[in-house]
N, C-alpha and C. Protein backbone atom coordinates (compact mmCIF):
# COMPACT_ATOMS: atom_id res chain seq x y z
N UNK A 1 24.52 -34.40 51.20
CA UNK A 1 24.11 -33.25 50.43
C UNK A 1 22.71 -32.89 50.95
N UNK A 2 22.47 -31.48 51.10
CA UNK A 2 21.26 -31.00 51.65
C UNK A 2 20.15 -31.28 50.64
N UNK A 3 18.97 -31.24 51.21
CA UNK A 3 17.81 -31.63 50.42
C UNK A 3 17.63 -30.55 49.33
N UNK A 4 17.76 -29.26 49.54
CA UNK A 4 17.53 -28.25 48.43
C UNK A 4 18.65 -28.40 47.45
N UNK A 5 19.88 -28.75 47.91
CA UNK A 5 21.05 -28.87 46.90
C UNK A 5 20.68 -30.05 46.01
N UNK A 6 20.14 -31.19 46.59
CA UNK A 6 19.91 -32.31 45.71
C UNK A 6 18.88 -31.95 44.72
N UNK A 7 17.81 -31.21 45.26
CA UNK A 7 16.69 -30.87 44.34
C UNK A 7 17.27 -30.01 43.10
N UNK A 8 18.23 -29.02 43.41
CA UNK A 8 18.72 -28.23 42.45
C UNK A 8 19.53 -29.00 41.48
N UNK A 9 20.24 -29.98 41.97
CA UNK A 9 21.08 -30.83 41.16
C UNK A 9 20.25 -31.59 40.19
N UNK A 10 19.11 -32.19 40.68
CA UNK A 10 18.16 -32.89 39.82
C UNK A 10 17.60 -32.08 38.73
N UNK A 11 17.14 -30.76 39.10
CA UNK A 11 16.57 -29.84 38.21
C UNK A 11 17.60 -29.59 37.06
N UNK A 12 18.78 -29.21 37.53
CA UNK A 12 19.91 -28.99 36.50
C UNK A 12 20.17 -29.98 35.56
N UNK A 13 20.15 -31.33 36.14
CA UNK A 13 20.32 -32.45 35.25
C UNK A 13 19.29 -32.65 34.24
N UNK A 14 17.99 -32.44 34.68
CA UNK A 14 16.86 -32.64 33.81
C UNK A 14 16.88 -31.57 32.73
N UNK A 15 17.30 -30.25 33.10
CA UNK A 15 17.40 -29.11 32.16
C UNK A 15 18.60 -29.49 31.16
N UNK A 16 19.57 -29.99 31.57
CA UNK A 16 20.79 -30.42 30.70
C UNK A 16 20.28 -31.47 29.76
N UNK A 17 19.64 -32.55 30.25
CA UNK A 17 19.18 -33.66 29.40
C UNK A 17 18.28 -33.05 28.35
N UNK A 18 17.29 -32.30 28.84
CA UNK A 18 16.28 -31.68 27.92
C UNK A 18 17.14 -30.82 26.79
N UNK A 19 18.02 -29.97 27.22
CA UNK A 19 18.73 -29.27 26.30
C UNK A 19 19.46 -30.05 25.27
N UNK A 20 20.25 -31.10 25.75
CA UNK A 20 20.90 -32.09 24.93
C UNK A 20 20.00 -32.75 23.98
N UNK A 21 18.83 -33.00 24.39
CA UNK A 21 17.83 -33.74 23.50
C UNK A 21 17.40 -32.85 22.47
N UNK A 22 17.53 -31.53 22.54
CA UNK A 22 17.14 -30.51 21.57
C UNK A 22 18.12 -30.27 20.58
N UNK A 23 19.42 -30.66 20.83
CA UNK A 23 20.47 -30.43 19.95
C UNK A 23 20.25 -31.00 18.55
N UNK A 24 19.77 -32.23 18.29
CA UNK A 24 19.37 -32.60 16.87
C UNK A 24 18.46 -31.78 16.27
N UNK A 25 17.40 -31.26 17.05
CA UNK A 25 16.31 -30.46 16.40
C UNK A 25 16.95 -29.10 16.07
N UNK A 26 17.82 -28.50 16.92
CA UNK A 26 18.48 -27.27 16.59
C UNK A 26 19.39 -27.43 15.38
N UNK A 27 20.08 -28.42 15.33
CA UNK A 27 21.03 -28.74 14.12
C UNK A 27 20.16 -28.96 12.96
N UNK A 28 19.03 -29.55 12.90
CA UNK A 28 18.19 -29.82 11.71
C UNK A 28 17.57 -28.43 11.33
N UNK A 29 17.33 -27.49 12.22
CA UNK A 29 16.71 -26.25 11.88
C UNK A 29 17.84 -25.43 11.15
N UNK A 30 19.11 -25.48 11.53
CA UNK A 30 20.27 -24.81 10.90
C UNK A 30 20.41 -25.45 9.56
N UNK A 31 20.07 -26.66 9.26
CA UNK A 31 20.32 -27.30 8.00
C UNK A 31 19.26 -26.97 6.99
N UNK A 32 18.29 -26.19 7.38
CA UNK A 32 17.27 -25.83 6.50
C UNK A 32 17.81 -24.84 5.45
N UNK A 33 17.14 -24.94 4.26
CA UNK A 33 17.64 -24.08 3.13
C UNK A 33 16.70 -22.88 3.01
N UNK A 34 17.19 -21.80 2.36
CA UNK A 34 16.36 -20.64 2.20
C UNK A 34 15.52 -20.73 0.81
N UNK A 35 15.29 -21.96 0.44
CA UNK A 35 14.47 -22.24 -0.76
C UNK A 35 13.83 -23.63 -0.75
N UNK A 36 12.76 -23.88 -1.38
CA UNK A 36 12.24 -25.18 -1.39
C UNK A 36 13.24 -26.18 -2.08
N UNK A 37 13.38 -27.30 -1.57
CA UNK A 37 14.44 -28.34 -1.97
C UNK A 37 13.62 -29.51 -2.47
N UNK A 38 14.17 -30.10 -3.48
CA UNK A 38 13.49 -31.34 -4.02
C UNK A 38 13.82 -32.52 -3.13
N UNK A 39 12.83 -33.44 -3.00
CA UNK A 39 13.07 -34.62 -2.16
C UNK A 39 14.01 -35.60 -2.79
N UNK A 40 14.28 -35.37 -4.11
CA UNK A 40 15.20 -36.36 -4.85
C UNK A 40 16.67 -35.81 -4.46
N UNK A 41 17.43 -36.76 -3.93
CA UNK A 41 18.81 -36.29 -3.36
C UNK A 41 19.68 -35.69 -4.52
N UNK A 42 19.59 -36.21 -5.68
CA UNK A 42 20.40 -35.86 -6.81
C UNK A 42 20.02 -34.44 -7.19
N UNK A 43 18.79 -34.21 -7.30
CA UNK A 43 18.34 -32.79 -7.62
C UNK A 43 18.67 -31.76 -6.50
N UNK A 44 18.46 -32.23 -5.23
CA UNK A 44 18.68 -31.37 -4.25
C UNK A 44 20.12 -30.92 -4.20
N UNK A 45 21.04 -31.89 -4.44
CA UNK A 45 22.51 -31.59 -4.54
C UNK A 45 22.77 -30.58 -5.58
N UNK A 46 22.10 -30.67 -6.67
CA UNK A 46 22.27 -29.72 -7.78
C UNK A 46 21.69 -28.29 -7.41
N UNK A 47 20.63 -28.30 -6.77
CA UNK A 47 20.00 -27.11 -6.23
C UNK A 47 20.93 -26.42 -5.35
N UNK A 48 21.57 -27.10 -4.42
CA UNK A 48 22.47 -26.59 -3.49
C UNK A 48 23.72 -26.04 -4.18
N UNK A 49 24.18 -26.79 -5.21
CA UNK A 49 25.40 -26.19 -6.01
C UNK A 49 25.06 -24.91 -6.67
N UNK A 50 23.91 -24.94 -7.31
CA UNK A 50 23.46 -23.68 -8.01
C UNK A 50 23.29 -22.60 -6.92
N UNK A 51 22.66 -22.86 -5.84
CA UNK A 51 22.45 -21.88 -4.82
C UNK A 51 23.86 -21.27 -4.27
N UNK A 52 24.82 -22.13 -4.18
CA UNK A 52 26.12 -21.77 -3.76
C UNK A 52 26.76 -20.74 -4.76
N UNK A 53 26.55 -20.78 -6.10
CA UNK A 53 27.01 -19.90 -7.07
C UNK A 53 26.35 -18.49 -6.86
N UNK A 54 25.08 -18.58 -6.68
CA UNK A 54 24.40 -17.31 -6.58
C UNK A 54 24.73 -16.67 -5.12
N UNK A 55 24.87 -17.46 -4.16
CA UNK A 55 25.36 -16.88 -2.85
C UNK A 55 26.71 -16.31 -3.04
N UNK A 56 27.60 -16.94 -3.76
CA UNK A 56 28.87 -16.31 -4.02
C UNK A 56 28.70 -14.92 -4.66
N UNK A 57 27.77 -14.93 -5.71
CA UNK A 57 27.60 -13.62 -6.35
C UNK A 57 27.05 -12.55 -5.33
N UNK A 58 26.24 -12.98 -4.44
CA UNK A 58 25.83 -12.07 -3.36
C UNK A 58 26.85 -11.55 -2.55
N UNK A 59 27.75 -12.45 -2.00
CA UNK A 59 28.86 -12.11 -1.34
C UNK A 59 29.87 -11.23 -1.97
N UNK A 60 30.14 -11.49 -3.22
CA UNK A 60 30.98 -10.68 -4.08
C UNK A 60 30.40 -9.20 -4.27
N UNK A 61 29.06 -9.21 -4.57
CA UNK A 61 28.37 -7.87 -4.69
C UNK A 61 28.55 -7.17 -3.43
N UNK A 62 28.34 -7.56 -2.25
CA UNK A 62 28.47 -6.89 -1.01
C UNK A 62 29.83 -6.54 -0.73
N UNK A 63 30.96 -7.26 -1.25
CA UNK A 63 32.28 -6.80 -1.12
C UNK A 63 32.68 -5.92 -2.11
N UNK A 64 31.89 -5.62 -3.09
CA UNK A 64 32.30 -4.84 -4.20
C UNK A 64 33.48 -5.51 -5.15
N UNK A 65 33.51 -6.80 -5.22
CA UNK A 65 34.52 -7.56 -5.84
C UNK A 65 34.17 -7.96 -7.31
N UNK A 66 34.53 -7.01 -8.17
CA UNK A 66 34.19 -7.20 -9.64
C UNK A 66 34.84 -8.47 -10.11
N UNK A 67 35.96 -8.78 -9.88
CA UNK A 67 36.51 -9.88 -10.53
C UNK A 67 35.93 -11.21 -9.95
N UNK A 68 35.59 -11.29 -8.78
CA UNK A 68 34.89 -12.58 -8.20
C UNK A 68 33.55 -12.73 -8.80
N UNK A 69 32.81 -11.58 -9.09
CA UNK A 69 31.52 -11.73 -9.82
C UNK A 69 31.77 -12.16 -11.33
N UNK A 70 32.59 -11.41 -11.96
CA UNK A 70 32.73 -11.82 -13.37
C UNK A 70 33.22 -13.24 -13.60
N UNK A 71 34.03 -13.78 -12.60
CA UNK A 71 34.46 -15.19 -12.75
C UNK A 71 33.29 -16.24 -12.51
N UNK A 72 32.21 -15.77 -12.02
CA UNK A 72 31.05 -16.62 -11.84
C UNK A 72 30.18 -16.77 -13.20
N UNK A 73 30.53 -15.85 -14.09
CA UNK A 73 29.89 -15.97 -15.43
C UNK A 73 30.46 -16.87 -16.43
N UNK A 74 29.67 -17.52 -17.25
CA UNK A 74 30.19 -18.37 -18.34
C UNK A 74 30.75 -17.46 -19.40
N UNK A 75 31.54 -17.99 -20.27
CA UNK A 75 32.30 -17.25 -21.32
C UNK A 75 31.23 -16.53 -22.26
N UNK A 76 30.12 -17.07 -22.59
CA UNK A 76 29.18 -16.63 -23.52
C UNK A 76 27.98 -16.06 -22.82
N UNK A 77 28.11 -15.39 -21.59
CA UNK A 77 27.05 -14.97 -20.85
C UNK A 77 26.71 -13.56 -21.03
N UNK A 78 25.60 -13.00 -20.47
CA UNK A 78 25.23 -11.67 -20.50
C UNK A 78 24.59 -11.26 -19.21
N UNK A 79 24.77 -10.00 -18.94
CA UNK A 79 24.15 -9.33 -17.81
C UNK A 79 23.30 -8.14 -18.32
N UNK A 80 22.09 -8.20 -17.81
CA UNK A 80 21.16 -7.12 -18.42
C UNK A 80 20.55 -6.45 -17.19
N UNK A 81 20.88 -5.16 -17.12
CA UNK A 81 20.45 -4.31 -15.98
C UNK A 81 19.39 -3.36 -16.40
N UNK A 82 18.59 -2.80 -15.50
CA UNK A 82 17.72 -1.73 -15.92
C UNK A 82 18.46 -0.47 -16.39
N UNK A 83 18.04 0.05 -17.46
CA UNK A 83 18.57 1.37 -18.04
C UNK A 83 20.00 1.23 -18.39
N UNK A 84 20.50 0.16 -18.70
CA UNK A 84 21.89 -0.12 -19.07
C UNK A 84 21.93 -1.00 -20.39
N UNK A 85 22.96 -0.85 -21.09
CA UNK A 85 23.11 -1.75 -22.29
C UNK A 85 23.50 -3.16 -21.81
N UNK A 86 23.22 -4.12 -22.64
CA UNK A 86 23.68 -5.48 -22.22
C UNK A 86 25.07 -5.69 -22.19
N UNK A 87 25.64 -6.28 -21.04
CA UNK A 87 26.99 -6.54 -20.89
C UNK A 87 27.28 -7.95 -21.39
N UNK A 88 27.83 -8.05 -22.55
CA UNK A 88 27.99 -9.41 -23.18
C UNK A 88 29.46 -9.96 -23.16
N UNK A 89 30.46 -9.00 -23.10
CA UNK A 89 31.76 -9.58 -22.96
C UNK A 89 32.31 -9.47 -21.59
N UNK A 90 33.32 -10.19 -21.35
CA UNK A 90 34.01 -10.12 -19.94
C UNK A 90 34.38 -8.67 -19.61
N UNK A 91 34.96 -7.98 -20.60
CA UNK A 91 35.40 -6.61 -20.36
C UNK A 91 34.23 -5.72 -20.02
N UNK A 92 33.14 -5.86 -20.77
CA UNK A 92 31.82 -5.07 -20.62
C UNK A 92 31.41 -5.32 -19.11
N UNK A 93 31.48 -6.58 -18.77
CA UNK A 93 31.01 -6.83 -17.33
C UNK A 93 31.91 -6.21 -16.32
N UNK A 94 33.14 -6.32 -16.62
CA UNK A 94 34.19 -5.70 -15.63
C UNK A 94 33.89 -4.14 -15.55
N UNK A 95 33.81 -3.54 -16.75
CA UNK A 95 33.53 -2.07 -16.72
C UNK A 95 32.23 -1.77 -16.04
N UNK A 96 31.06 -2.62 -16.39
CA UNK A 96 29.85 -2.19 -15.67
C UNK A 96 29.88 -2.46 -14.06
N UNK A 97 30.43 -3.60 -13.74
CA UNK A 97 30.54 -3.73 -12.27
C UNK A 97 31.47 -2.78 -11.61
N UNK A 98 32.52 -2.49 -12.24
CA UNK A 98 33.45 -1.46 -11.76
C UNK A 98 32.88 -0.06 -11.53
N UNK A 99 32.08 0.29 -12.57
CA UNK A 99 31.42 1.60 -12.50
C UNK A 99 30.37 1.61 -11.30
N UNK A 100 29.63 0.42 -11.28
CA UNK A 100 28.64 0.33 -10.23
C UNK A 100 29.36 0.45 -8.84
N UNK A 101 30.31 -0.15 -8.66
CA UNK A 101 31.00 -0.23 -7.23
C UNK A 101 31.64 1.16 -7.01
N UNK A 102 31.89 2.02 -7.93
CA UNK A 102 32.40 3.27 -7.64
C UNK A 102 31.30 4.18 -7.08
N UNK A 103 30.00 3.87 -7.38
CA UNK A 103 28.97 4.85 -6.75
C UNK A 103 28.07 4.01 -5.78
N UNK A 104 28.17 2.77 -5.63
CA UNK A 104 27.17 2.01 -4.80
C UNK A 104 27.92 1.02 -3.95
N UNK A 105 27.41 0.95 -2.65
CA UNK A 105 27.74 -0.03 -1.63
C UNK A 105 26.65 -0.88 -1.27
N UNK A 106 26.89 -2.14 -1.31
CA UNK A 106 25.71 -3.05 -1.13
C UNK A 106 25.80 -3.87 0.25
N UNK A 107 24.73 -4.10 0.81
CA UNK A 107 24.66 -5.08 1.94
C UNK A 107 23.42 -5.85 1.70
N UNK A 108 23.32 -6.48 0.59
CA UNK A 108 22.21 -7.21 0.00
C UNK A 108 22.05 -8.69 0.71
N UNK A 109 20.94 -9.13 0.97
CA UNK A 109 20.60 -10.42 1.36
C UNK A 109 19.42 -10.84 0.45
N UNK A 110 19.75 -11.81 -0.44
CA UNK A 110 18.71 -12.25 -1.45
C UNK A 110 17.60 -13.21 -0.63
N UNK A 111 16.52 -12.98 -0.99
CA UNK A 111 15.39 -13.84 -0.53
C UNK A 111 15.16 -14.73 -1.79
N UNK A 112 15.22 -16.13 -1.51
CA UNK A 112 15.11 -17.06 -2.62
C UNK A 112 13.64 -17.36 -2.97
N UNK A 113 13.15 -17.04 -4.14
CA UNK A 113 11.86 -17.51 -4.64
C UNK A 113 11.85 -18.89 -5.16
N UNK A 114 12.89 -19.20 -5.89
CA UNK A 114 13.04 -20.49 -6.54
C UNK A 114 14.36 -20.74 -6.88
N UNK A 115 14.78 -22.03 -6.76
CA UNK A 115 16.02 -22.56 -7.30
C UNK A 115 15.59 -23.87 -8.06
N UNK A 116 15.45 -23.77 -9.36
CA UNK A 116 14.99 -24.79 -10.25
C UNK A 116 16.00 -25.33 -11.14
N UNK A 117 16.19 -26.57 -11.13
CA UNK A 117 17.26 -27.32 -11.98
C UNK A 117 16.60 -28.09 -12.99
N UNK A 118 17.06 -27.95 -14.21
CA UNK A 118 16.57 -28.82 -15.35
C UNK A 118 17.74 -29.40 -16.03
N UNK A 119 18.13 -30.43 -15.65
CA UNK A 119 19.48 -31.16 -16.27
C UNK A 119 20.61 -30.19 -16.00
N UNK A 120 21.23 -29.75 -17.05
CA UNK A 120 22.38 -28.86 -16.96
C UNK A 120 22.11 -27.40 -17.08
N UNK A 121 20.82 -27.06 -16.85
CA UNK A 121 20.41 -25.71 -16.77
C UNK A 121 19.56 -25.46 -15.47
N UNK A 122 19.66 -24.18 -15.01
CA UNK A 122 18.98 -23.80 -13.67
C UNK A 122 18.54 -22.44 -13.73
N UNK A 123 17.42 -22.15 -13.07
CA UNK A 123 16.89 -20.82 -12.98
C UNK A 123 16.64 -20.49 -11.53
N UNK A 124 17.33 -19.39 -11.11
CA UNK A 124 17.13 -18.92 -9.77
C UNK A 124 16.33 -17.49 -9.78
N UNK A 125 15.40 -17.49 -8.89
CA UNK A 125 14.70 -16.15 -8.85
C UNK A 125 14.95 -15.73 -7.36
N UNK A 126 15.28 -14.36 -7.22
CA UNK A 126 15.46 -13.80 -5.94
C UNK A 126 14.79 -12.46 -5.80
N UNK A 127 14.62 -11.92 -4.63
CA UNK A 127 14.27 -10.56 -4.45
C UNK A 127 14.85 -10.06 -3.19
N UNK A 128 14.97 -8.84 -3.07
CA UNK A 128 15.45 -8.23 -1.80
C UNK A 128 14.39 -8.00 -0.81
N UNK A 129 14.63 -8.18 0.47
CA UNK A 129 13.60 -8.05 1.51
C UNK A 129 13.06 -6.62 1.62
N UNK A 130 11.89 -6.59 2.05
CA UNK A 130 11.20 -5.26 2.11
C UNK A 130 12.09 -4.32 3.10
N UNK A 131 12.39 -3.14 2.52
CA UNK A 131 13.20 -2.16 3.26
C UNK A 131 14.67 -2.31 2.97
N UNK A 132 15.08 -3.22 2.02
CA UNK A 132 16.53 -3.30 1.71
C UNK A 132 16.94 -2.03 1.05
N UNK A 133 18.23 -1.61 1.22
CA UNK A 133 18.69 -0.41 0.72
C UNK A 133 20.13 -0.63 0.29
N UNK A 134 20.49 0.27 -0.62
CA UNK A 134 21.89 0.33 -1.21
C UNK A 134 22.30 1.80 -0.92
N UNK A 135 23.67 1.90 -0.59
CA UNK A 135 24.18 3.18 -0.44
C UNK A 135 24.75 3.72 -1.85
N UNK A 136 24.02 4.61 -2.42
CA UNK A 136 24.41 5.07 -3.79
C UNK A 136 24.71 6.55 -3.78
N UNK A 137 25.96 6.82 -4.23
CA UNK A 137 26.56 8.20 -4.14
C UNK A 137 26.30 8.76 -2.73
N UNK A 138 26.60 7.93 -1.75
CA UNK A 138 26.54 8.43 -0.22
C UNK A 138 25.22 8.45 0.29
N UNK A 139 24.09 8.17 -0.45
CA UNK A 139 22.80 8.27 0.04
C UNK A 139 22.14 6.93 0.06
N UNK A 140 21.31 6.67 1.12
CA UNK A 140 20.57 5.41 1.18
C UNK A 140 19.44 5.36 0.22
N UNK A 141 19.34 4.38 -0.72
CA UNK A 141 18.31 4.30 -1.66
C UNK A 141 17.64 2.93 -1.46
N UNK A 142 16.27 2.84 -1.43
CA UNK A 142 15.60 1.70 -1.31
C UNK A 142 15.80 0.73 -2.48
N UNK A 143 16.09 -0.54 -2.19
CA UNK A 143 16.58 -1.43 -3.31
C UNK A 143 15.40 -2.44 -3.60
N UNK A 144 14.57 -2.29 -4.55
CA UNK A 144 13.50 -3.12 -4.93
C UNK A 144 13.76 -4.15 -5.92
N UNK A 145 15.05 -4.61 -6.05
CA UNK A 145 15.44 -5.58 -7.01
C UNK A 145 14.64 -6.90 -6.91
N UNK A 146 14.34 -7.44 -8.13
CA UNK A 146 13.90 -8.90 -8.22
C UNK A 146 14.82 -9.37 -9.37
N UNK A 147 15.68 -10.43 -8.97
CA UNK A 147 16.61 -10.89 -9.98
C UNK A 147 16.22 -12.34 -10.55
N UNK A 148 16.80 -12.50 -11.69
CA UNK A 148 16.65 -13.87 -12.32
C UNK A 148 18.15 -14.20 -12.73
N UNK A 149 18.62 -15.34 -12.32
CA UNK A 149 19.91 -15.95 -12.65
C UNK A 149 19.59 -17.18 -13.53
N UNK A 150 20.16 -17.23 -14.63
CA UNK A 150 20.07 -18.58 -15.37
C UNK A 150 21.48 -19.14 -15.46
N UNK A 151 21.62 -20.30 -15.08
CA UNK A 151 22.88 -20.98 -15.07
C UNK A 151 22.89 -22.22 -15.88
N UNK A 152 24.21 -22.51 -16.50
CA UNK A 152 24.34 -23.70 -17.18
C UNK A 152 25.61 -24.40 -16.54
N UNK A 153 25.59 -25.75 -16.61
CA UNK A 153 26.74 -26.48 -16.19
C UNK A 153 27.72 -26.53 -17.28
N UNK A 154 28.90 -25.93 -17.05
CA UNK A 154 29.96 -25.94 -18.03
C UNK A 154 31.16 -26.62 -17.66
N UNK A 155 31.42 -27.62 -18.26
CA UNK A 155 32.61 -28.53 -17.85
C UNK A 155 32.40 -29.02 -16.33
N UNK A 156 31.21 -29.39 -15.97
CA UNK A 156 30.90 -29.76 -14.64
C UNK A 156 30.77 -28.81 -13.59
N UNK A 157 30.86 -27.45 -13.89
CA UNK A 157 30.77 -26.29 -13.07
C UNK A 157 29.72 -25.38 -13.43
N UNK A 158 28.81 -25.11 -12.40
CA UNK A 158 27.67 -24.25 -12.67
C UNK A 158 28.28 -22.82 -12.81
N UNK A 159 27.78 -22.12 -14.06
CA UNK A 159 28.09 -20.75 -14.34
C UNK A 159 26.88 -19.96 -14.69
N UNK A 160 26.96 -18.81 -14.41
CA UNK A 160 25.81 -17.83 -14.76
C UNK A 160 25.94 -17.54 -16.30
N UNK A 161 24.87 -17.77 -17.06
CA UNK A 161 24.79 -17.38 -18.43
C UNK A 161 23.91 -16.17 -18.63
N UNK A 162 22.96 -15.88 -17.72
CA UNK A 162 22.11 -14.69 -17.78
C UNK A 162 21.88 -14.17 -16.36
N UNK A 163 22.15 -13.00 -16.26
CA UNK A 163 21.74 -12.25 -14.92
C UNK A 163 21.02 -11.04 -15.41
N UNK A 164 19.79 -10.93 -14.85
CA UNK A 164 18.94 -9.84 -15.25
C UNK A 164 18.11 -9.49 -13.86
N UNK A 165 17.65 -8.17 -13.82
CA UNK A 165 16.88 -7.74 -12.73
C UNK A 165 15.89 -6.77 -13.21
N UNK A 166 14.82 -6.60 -12.39
CA UNK A 166 13.99 -5.40 -12.55
C UNK A 166 13.63 -4.97 -11.17
N UNK A 167 13.02 -3.77 -11.12
CA UNK A 167 12.68 -3.11 -9.84
C UNK A 167 11.20 -3.12 -9.75
N UNK A 168 10.71 -3.47 -8.50
CA UNK A 168 9.18 -3.49 -8.27
C UNK A 168 9.07 -3.39 -6.79
N UNK A 169 8.35 -2.28 -6.28
CA UNK A 169 8.21 -2.09 -4.94
C UNK A 169 7.47 -3.17 -4.21
N UNK A 170 6.84 -4.10 -4.84
CA UNK A 170 6.12 -5.14 -4.24
C UNK A 170 7.12 -6.17 -3.69
N UNK A 171 8.26 -6.29 -4.18
CA UNK A 171 9.44 -7.09 -3.76
C UNK A 171 8.93 -8.60 -3.47
N UNK A 172 8.80 -9.34 -4.51
CA UNK A 172 8.62 -10.78 -4.31
C UNK A 172 7.22 -11.24 -4.10
N UNK A 173 6.31 -10.26 -3.91
CA UNK A 173 4.88 -10.78 -3.60
C UNK A 173 4.22 -10.99 -4.95
N UNK A 174 3.07 -11.75 -4.80
CA UNK A 174 2.18 -12.04 -5.85
C UNK A 174 2.65 -12.02 -7.21
């Protein structure tokens, strides 16, 4: 093997070893969560389970999937939106989300301010990133939502019992 080929081979091997050594660090970074997690493994597991429900809500919102959203709510839950009546029954939620999806298309990405678990109850606070928008009646509208999800564990499954939001152009600050 020529000297410069041997040098290139050694450099390539060192780069490969270095890259392979970074794999655990890269994997660890991917494993980070978008919210502060408890150091207690049991609490952390519940936080992740609660997060999964809210993330499912986000995905269903973006898909315009009324049924998927309504299925995330507990039987005795409410949804309270700005300038709307409280949606307390399943049918009211179906009608409310159905009407919303007729005029609005979402591409929401929640920023998580807190995922707190208190036994069989949890509170999740989110906001939309600066510049987030929704397409409403065919027009781009800045989306300043700050949300609160309250969940209860019902028969071992986390369910939303209260969803409410308000709008504030500060979006999650102070």
